[in-house]
Amino acid sequence: DADAVLVLSEGACGSGGAEPKAVGRLLKALPARTRRLLLVSTHGVDRTNALPFSMENMFGGKLDKQRALEQEALLAARKALPGHSIARFGKLKPSPRASSSSSSASASAS
Protein backbone atom coordinates (compact mmCIF):
# COMPACT_ATOMS: atom_id res chain seq x y z
CA ASP A 1 0.00 0.00 0.00
CA ALA A 2 1.26 3.46 -0.91
CA ASP A 3 0.81 6.56 1.20
CA ALA A 4 1.37 8.74 -1.88
CA VAL A 5 1.04 8.17 -5.61
CA LEU A 6 2.99 9.92 -8.36
CA VAL A 7 1.39 9.78 -11.83
CA LEU A 8 3.51 10.76 -14.83
CA SER A 9 1.12 11.66 -17.62
CA GLU A 10 1.73 10.82 -21.25
CA GLY A 11 1.41 14.52 -22.11
CA ALA A 12 4.32 15.42 -19.86
CA CYS A 13 6.52 12.36 -20.20
CA GLY A 14 5.84 11.12 -23.69
CA SER A 15 5.11 7.52 -24.60
CA GLY A 16 6.34 6.22 -21.23
CA GLY A 17 3.71 8.16 -19.30
CA ALA A 18 0.21 7.11 -18.31
CA GLU A 19 -2.46 7.48 -21.00
CA PRO A 20 -5.52 9.57 -20.08
CA LYS A 21 -7.90 6.58 -20.02
CA ALA A 22 -5.51 4.62 -17.79
CA VAL A 23 -5.28 7.41 -15.20
CA GLY A 24 -8.99 7.16 -14.40
CA ARG A 25 -8.68 3.42 -13.82
CA LEU A 26 -5.57 3.95 -11.71
CA LEU A 27 -7.29 6.49 -9.47
CA LYS A 28 -10.25 4.17 -8.91
CA ALA A 29 -7.88 1.36 -7.91
CA LEU A 30 -5.94 3.32 -5.27
CA PRO A 31 -5.82 1.64 -1.89
CA ALA A 32 -7.76 3.27 0.96
CA ARG A 33 -4.48 4.08 2.73
CA THR A 34 -3.38 6.49 -0.04
CA ARG A 35 -3.29 10.05 1.27
CA ARG A 36 -1.69 12.11 -1.52
CA LEU A 37 -1.61 12.33 -5.31
CA LEU A 38 0.91 14.19 -7.46
CA LEU A 39 0.07 14.36 -11.16
CA VAL A 40 2.90 15.47 -13.47
CA SER A 41 1.39 17.29 -16.42
CA THR A 42 2.56 19.66 -19.13
CA HIS A 43 2.43 23.44 -19.33
CA GLY A 44 -0.04 25.14 -21.65
CA VAL A 45 -3.18 23.18 -20.75
CA ASP A 46 -4.84 26.27 -19.37
CA ARG A 47 -3.79 28.47 -22.32
CA THR A 48 -4.87 26.49 -25.38
CA ASN A 49 -6.25 29.59 -27.07
CA ALA A 50 -2.93 31.52 -26.88
CA LEU A 51 0.21 31.13 -28.96
CA PRO A 52 2.28 28.96 -29.05
CA PHE A 53 -0.02 26.53 -27.25
CA SER A 54 -2.86 26.94 -29.75
CA MET A 55 -0.52 25.71 -32.49
CA GLU A 56 0.52 22.71 -30.41
CA ASN A 57 -3.12 21.90 -29.69
CA MET A 58 -4.30 22.39 -33.29
CA PHE A 59 -3.51 18.87 -34.50
CA GLY A 60 -5.03 16.20 -32.29
CA GLY A 61 -5.99 18.35 -29.31
CA LYS A 62 -3.11 17.11 -27.15
CA LEU A 63 -3.50 19.89 -24.59
CA ASP A 64 -7.29 19.56 -24.45
CA LYS A 65 -6.88 15.86 -23.66
CA GLN A 66 -4.30 16.67 -21.00
CA ARG A 67 -6.62 19.25 -19.42
CA ALA A 68 -9.44 16.66 -19.33
CA LEU A 69 -7.08 14.21 -17.63
CA GLU A 70 -6.16 16.84 -15.02
CA GLN A 71 -9.82 17.63 -14.34
CA GLU A 72 -10.68 13.94 -13.94
CA ALA A 73 -7.75 13.45 -11.56
CA LEU A 74 -8.71 16.51 -9.50
CA LEU A 75 -12.34 15.41 -9.18
CA ALA A 76 -11.32 11.93 -8.07
CA ALA A 77 -8.72 13.28 -5.66
CA ARG A 78 -11.08 15.79 -4.08
CA LYS A 79 -13.55 13.01 -3.33
CA ALA A 80 -11.11 10.51 -1.87
CA LEU A 81 -7.77 12.09 -0.94
CA PRO A 82 -6.84 14.78 1.56
CA GLY A 83 -3.87 15.99 -0.50
CA HIS A 84 -3.36 16.44 -4.22
CA SER A 85 -1.23 18.54 -6.56
CA ILE A 86 -0.52 19.02 -10.24
CA ALA A 87 2.99 19.90 -11.37
CA ARG A 88 3.20 21.32 -14.90
CA PHE A 89 6.52 21.20 -16.71
CA GLY A 90 7.76 22.34 -20.08
CA LYS A 91 10.06 20.25 -22.22
CA LEU A 92 13.11 19.22 -20.25
CA LYS A 93 16.35 19.37 -22.19
CA PRO A 94 19.96 18.97 -21.11
CA SER A 95 21.75 22.27 -20.67
CA PRO A 96 24.29 23.15 -23.39
CA ARG A 97 27.00 23.15 -20.76
CA ALA A 98 26.13 19.64 -19.55
CA SER A 99 25.97 18.20 -23.07
CA SER A 100 29.25 19.87 -24.13
CA SER A 101 31.09 18.66 -21.03
CA SER A 102 29.91 15.08 -21.58
CA SER A 103 31.04 15.17 -25.22
CA SER A 104 34.44 16.63 -24.27
CA ALA A 105 34.82 14.01 -21.57
CA SER A 106 34.14 11.24 -24.05
CA ALA A 107 36.54 12.85 -26.54
CA SER A 108 39.32 13.04 -23.95
CA ALA A 109 38.71 9.43 -22.91
CA SER A 110 39.39 8.13 -26.42
C-alpha atoms as a PDB file:
ATOM      1  CA  ASP A   1       0.000   0.000   0.000  1.00  0.00           C
ATOM      2  CA  ALA A   2       1.261   3.461  -0.906  1.00  0.00           C
ATOM      3  CA  ASP A   3       0.813   6.564   1.204  1.00  0.00           C
ATOM      4  CA  ALA A   4       1.370   8.745  -1.880  1.00  0.00           C
ATOM      5  CA  VAL A   5       1.042   8.166  -5.614  1.00  0.00           C
ATOM      6  CA  LEU A   6       2.992   9.921  -8.363  1.00  0.00           C
ATOM      7  CA  VAL A   7       1.390   9.783 -11.826  1.00  0.00           C
ATOM      8  CA  LEU A   8       3.512  10.755 -14.829  1.00  0.00           C
ATOM      9  CA  SER A   9       1.119  11.664 -17.621  1.00  0.00           C
ATOM     10  CA  GLU A  10       1.733  10.825 -21.252  1.00  0.00           C
ATOM     11  CA  GLY A  11       1.410  14.521 -22.115  1.00  0.00           C
ATOM     12  CA  ALA A  12       4.320  15.420 -19.863  1.00  0.00           C
ATOM     13  CA  CYS A  13       6.522  12.359 -20.197  1.00  0.00           C
ATOM     14  CA  GLY A  14       5.836  11.122 -23.695  1.00  0.00           C
ATOM     15  CA  SER A  15       5.109   7.519 -24.603  1.00  0.00           C
ATOM     16  CA  GLY A  16       6.345   6.222 -21.235  1.00  0.00           C
ATOM     17  CA  GLY A  17       3.711   8.156 -19.298  1.00  0.00           C
ATOM     18  CA  ALA A  18       0.209   7.109 -18.314  1.00  0.00           C
ATOM     19  CA  GLU A  19      -2.459   7.482 -20.999  1.00  0.00           C
ATOM     20  CA  PRO A  20      -5.523   9.565 -20.078  1.00  0.00           C
ATOM     21  CA  LYS A  21      -7.903   6.581 -20.019  1.00  0.00           C
ATOM     22  CA  ALA A  22      -5.508   4.621 -17.787  1.00  0.00           C
ATOM     23  CA  VAL A  23      -5.276   7.412 -15.204  1.00  0.00           C
ATOM     24  CA  GLY A  24      -8.992   7.165 -14.397  1.00  0.00           C
ATOM     25  CA  ARG A  25      -8.680   3.418 -13.818  1.00  0.00           C
ATOM     26  CA  LEU A  26      -5.573   3.950 -11.715  1.00  0.00           C
ATOM     27  CA  LEU A  27      -7.290   6.490  -9.474  1.00  0.00           C
ATOM     28  CA  LYS A  28     -10.246   4.167  -8.914  1.00  0.00           C
ATOM     29  CA  ALA A  29      -7.883   1.357  -7.908  1.00  0.00           C
ATOM     30  CA  LEU A  30      -5.945   3.322  -5.270  1.00  0.00           C
ATOM     31  CA  PRO A  31      -5.823   1.640  -1.887  1.00  0.00           C
ATOM     32  CA  ALA A  32      -7.760   3.274   0.957  1.00  0.00           C
ATOM     33  CA  ARG A  33      -4.478   4.080   2.730  1.00  0.00           C
ATOM     34  CA  THR A  34      -3.379   6.486  -0.040  1.00  0.00           C
ATOM     35  CA  ARG A  35      -3.293  10.049   1.265  1.00  0.00           C
ATOM     36  CA  ARG A  36      -1.689  12.111  -1.522  1.00  0.00           C
ATOM     37  CA  LEU A  37      -1.606  12.327  -5.311  1.00  0.00           C
ATOM     38  CA  LEU A  38       0.912  14.191  -7.461  1.00  0.00           C
ATOM     39  CA  LEU A  39       0.071  14.364 -11.160  1.00  0.00           C
ATOM     40  CA  VAL A  40       2.895  15.468 -13.466  1.00  0.00           C
ATOM     41  CA  SER A  41       1.387  17.286 -16.419  1.00  0.00           C
ATOM     42  CA  THR A  42       2.563  19.664 -19.128  1.00  0.00           C
ATOM     43  CA  HIS A  43       2.432  23.439 -19.333  1.00  0.00           C
ATOM     44  CA  GLY A  44      -0.038  25.140 -21.651  1.00  0.00           C
ATOM     45  CA  VAL A  45      -3.176  23.180 -20.751  1.00  0.00           C
ATOM     46  CA  ASP A  46      -4.840  26.274 -19.371  1.00  0.00           C
ATOM     47  CA  ARG A  47      -3.795  28.474 -22.323  1.00  0.00           C
ATOM     48  CA  THR A  48      -4.868  26.489 -25.376  1.00  0.00           C
ATOM     49  CA  ASN A  49      -6.249  29.589 -27.065  1.00  0.00           C
ATOM     50  CA  ALA A  50      -2.933  31.523 -26.885  1.00  0.00           C
ATOM     51  CA  LEU A  51       0.214  31.132 -28.961  1.00  0.00           C
ATOM     52  CA  PRO A  52       2.283  28.957 -29.049  1.00  0.00           C
ATOM     53  CA  PHE A  53      -0.017  26.526 -27.248  1.00  0.00           C
ATOM     54  CA  SER A  54      -2.863  26.938 -29.748  1.00  0.00           C
ATOM     55  CA  MET A  55      -0.519  25.714 -32.494  1.00  0.00           C
ATOM     56  CA  GLU A  56       0.523  22.714 -30.410  1.00  0.00           C
ATOM     57  CA  ASN A  57      -3.115  21.899 -29.690  1.00  0.00           C
ATOM     58  CA  MET A  58      -4.297  22.386 -33.288  1.00  0.00           C
ATOM     59  CA  PHE A  59      -3.510  18.874 -34.501  1.00  0.00           C
ATOM     60  CA  GLY A  60      -5.027  16.204 -32.294  1.00  0.00           C
ATOM     61  CA  GLY A  61      -5.993  18.347 -29.307  1.00  0.00           C
ATOM     62  CA  LYS A  62      -3.106  17.105 -27.145  1.00  0.00           C
ATOM     63  CA  LEU A  63      -3.498  19.887 -24.590  1.00  0.00           C
ATOM     64  CA  ASP A  64      -7.294  19.562 -24.447  1.00  0.00           C
ATOM     65  CA  LYS A  65      -6.878  15.861 -23.662  1.00  0.00           C
ATOM     66  CA  GLN A  66      -4.304  16.668 -21.005  1.00  0.00           C
ATOM     67  CA  ARG A  67      -6.625  19.246 -19.418  1.00  0.00           C
ATOM     68  CA  ALA A  68      -9.440  16.663 -19.328  1.00  0.00           C
ATOM     69  CA  LEU A  69      -7.079  14.211 -17.631  1.00  0.00           C
ATOM     70  CA  GLU A  70      -6.161  16.836 -15.018  1.00  0.00           C
ATOM     71  CA  GLN A  71      -9.824  17.629 -14.339  1.00  0.00           C
ATOM     72  CA  GLU A  72     -10.683  13.939 -13.938  1.00  0.00           C
ATOM     73  CA  ALA A  73      -7.751  13.454 -11.556  1.00  0.00           C
ATOM     74  CA  LEU A  74      -8.714  16.511  -9.503  1.00  0.00           C
ATOM     75  CA  LEU A  75     -12.335  15.408  -9.178  1.00  0.00           C
ATOM     76  CA  ALA A  76     -11.321  11.927  -8.075  1.00  0.00           C
ATOM     77  CA  ALA A  77      -8.716  13.277  -5.661  1.00  0.00           C
ATOM     78  CA  ARG A  78     -11.083  15.792  -4.078  1.00  0.00           C
ATOM     79  CA  LYS A  79     -13.554  13.008  -3.328  1.00  0.00           C
ATOM     80  CA  ALA A  80     -11.108  10.507  -1.873  1.00  0.00           C
ATOM     81  CA  LEU A  81      -7.769  12.086  -0.937  1.00  0.00           C
ATOM     82  CA  PRO A  82      -6.839  14.775   1.564  1.00  0.00           C
ATOM     83  CA  GLY A  83      -3.871  15.991  -0.498  1.00  0.00           C
ATOM     84  CA  HIS A  84      -3.357  16.436  -4.224  1.00  0.00           C
ATOM     85  CA  SER A  85      -1.226  18.541  -6.558  1.00  0.00           C
ATOM     86  CA  ILE A  86      -0.524  19.017 -10.237  1.00  0.00           C
ATOM     87  CA  ALA A  87       2.987  19.900 -11.374  1.00  0.00           C
ATOM     88  CA  ARG A  88       3.204  21.316 -14.899  1.00  0.00           C
ATOM     89  CA  PHE A  89       6.522  21.198 -16.709  1.00  0.00           C
ATOM     90  CA  GLY A  90       7.760  22.337 -20.079  1.00  0.00           C
ATOM     91  CA  LYS A  91      10.061  20.255 -22.221  1.00  0.00           C
ATOM     92  CA  LEU A  92      13.113  19.223 -20.250  1.00  0.00           C
ATOM     93  CA  LYS A  93      16.349  19.371 -22.192  1.00  0.00           C
ATOM     94  CA  PRO A  94      19.956  18.974 -21.108  1.00  0.00           C
ATOM     95  CA  SER A  95      21.752  22.268 -20.665  1.00  0.00           C
ATOM     96  CA  PRO A  96      24.285  23.152 -23.392  1.00  0.00           C
ATOM     97  CA  ARG A  97      26.999  23.151 -20.756  1.00  0.00           C
ATOM     98  CA  ALA A  98      26.134  19.642 -19.553  1.00  0.00           C
ATOM     99  CA  SER A  99      25.969  18.199 -23.067  1.00  0.00           C
ATOM    100  CA  SER A 100      29.255  19.869 -24.135  1.00  0.00           C
ATOM    101  CA  SER A 101      31.093  18.655 -21.026  1.00  0.00           C
ATOM    102  CA  SER A 102      29.913  15.081 -21.583  1.00  0.00           C
ATOM    103  CA  SER A 103      31.039  15.172 -25.224  1.00  0.00           C
ATOM    104  CA  SER A 104      34.438  16.635 -24.270  1.00  0.00           C
ATOM    105  CA  ALA A 105      34.823  14.011 -21.566  1.00  0.00           C
ATOM    106  CA  SER A 106      34.135  11.237 -24.052  1.00  0.00           C
ATOM    107  CA  ALA A 107      36.543  12.848 -26.542  1.00  0.00           C
ATOM    108  CA  SER A 108      39.318  13.045 -23.946  1.00  0.00           C
ATOM    109  CA  ALA A 109      38.705   9.429 -22.908  1.00  0.00           C
ATOM    110  CA  SER A 110      39.392   8.134 -26.425  1.00  0.00           C
END
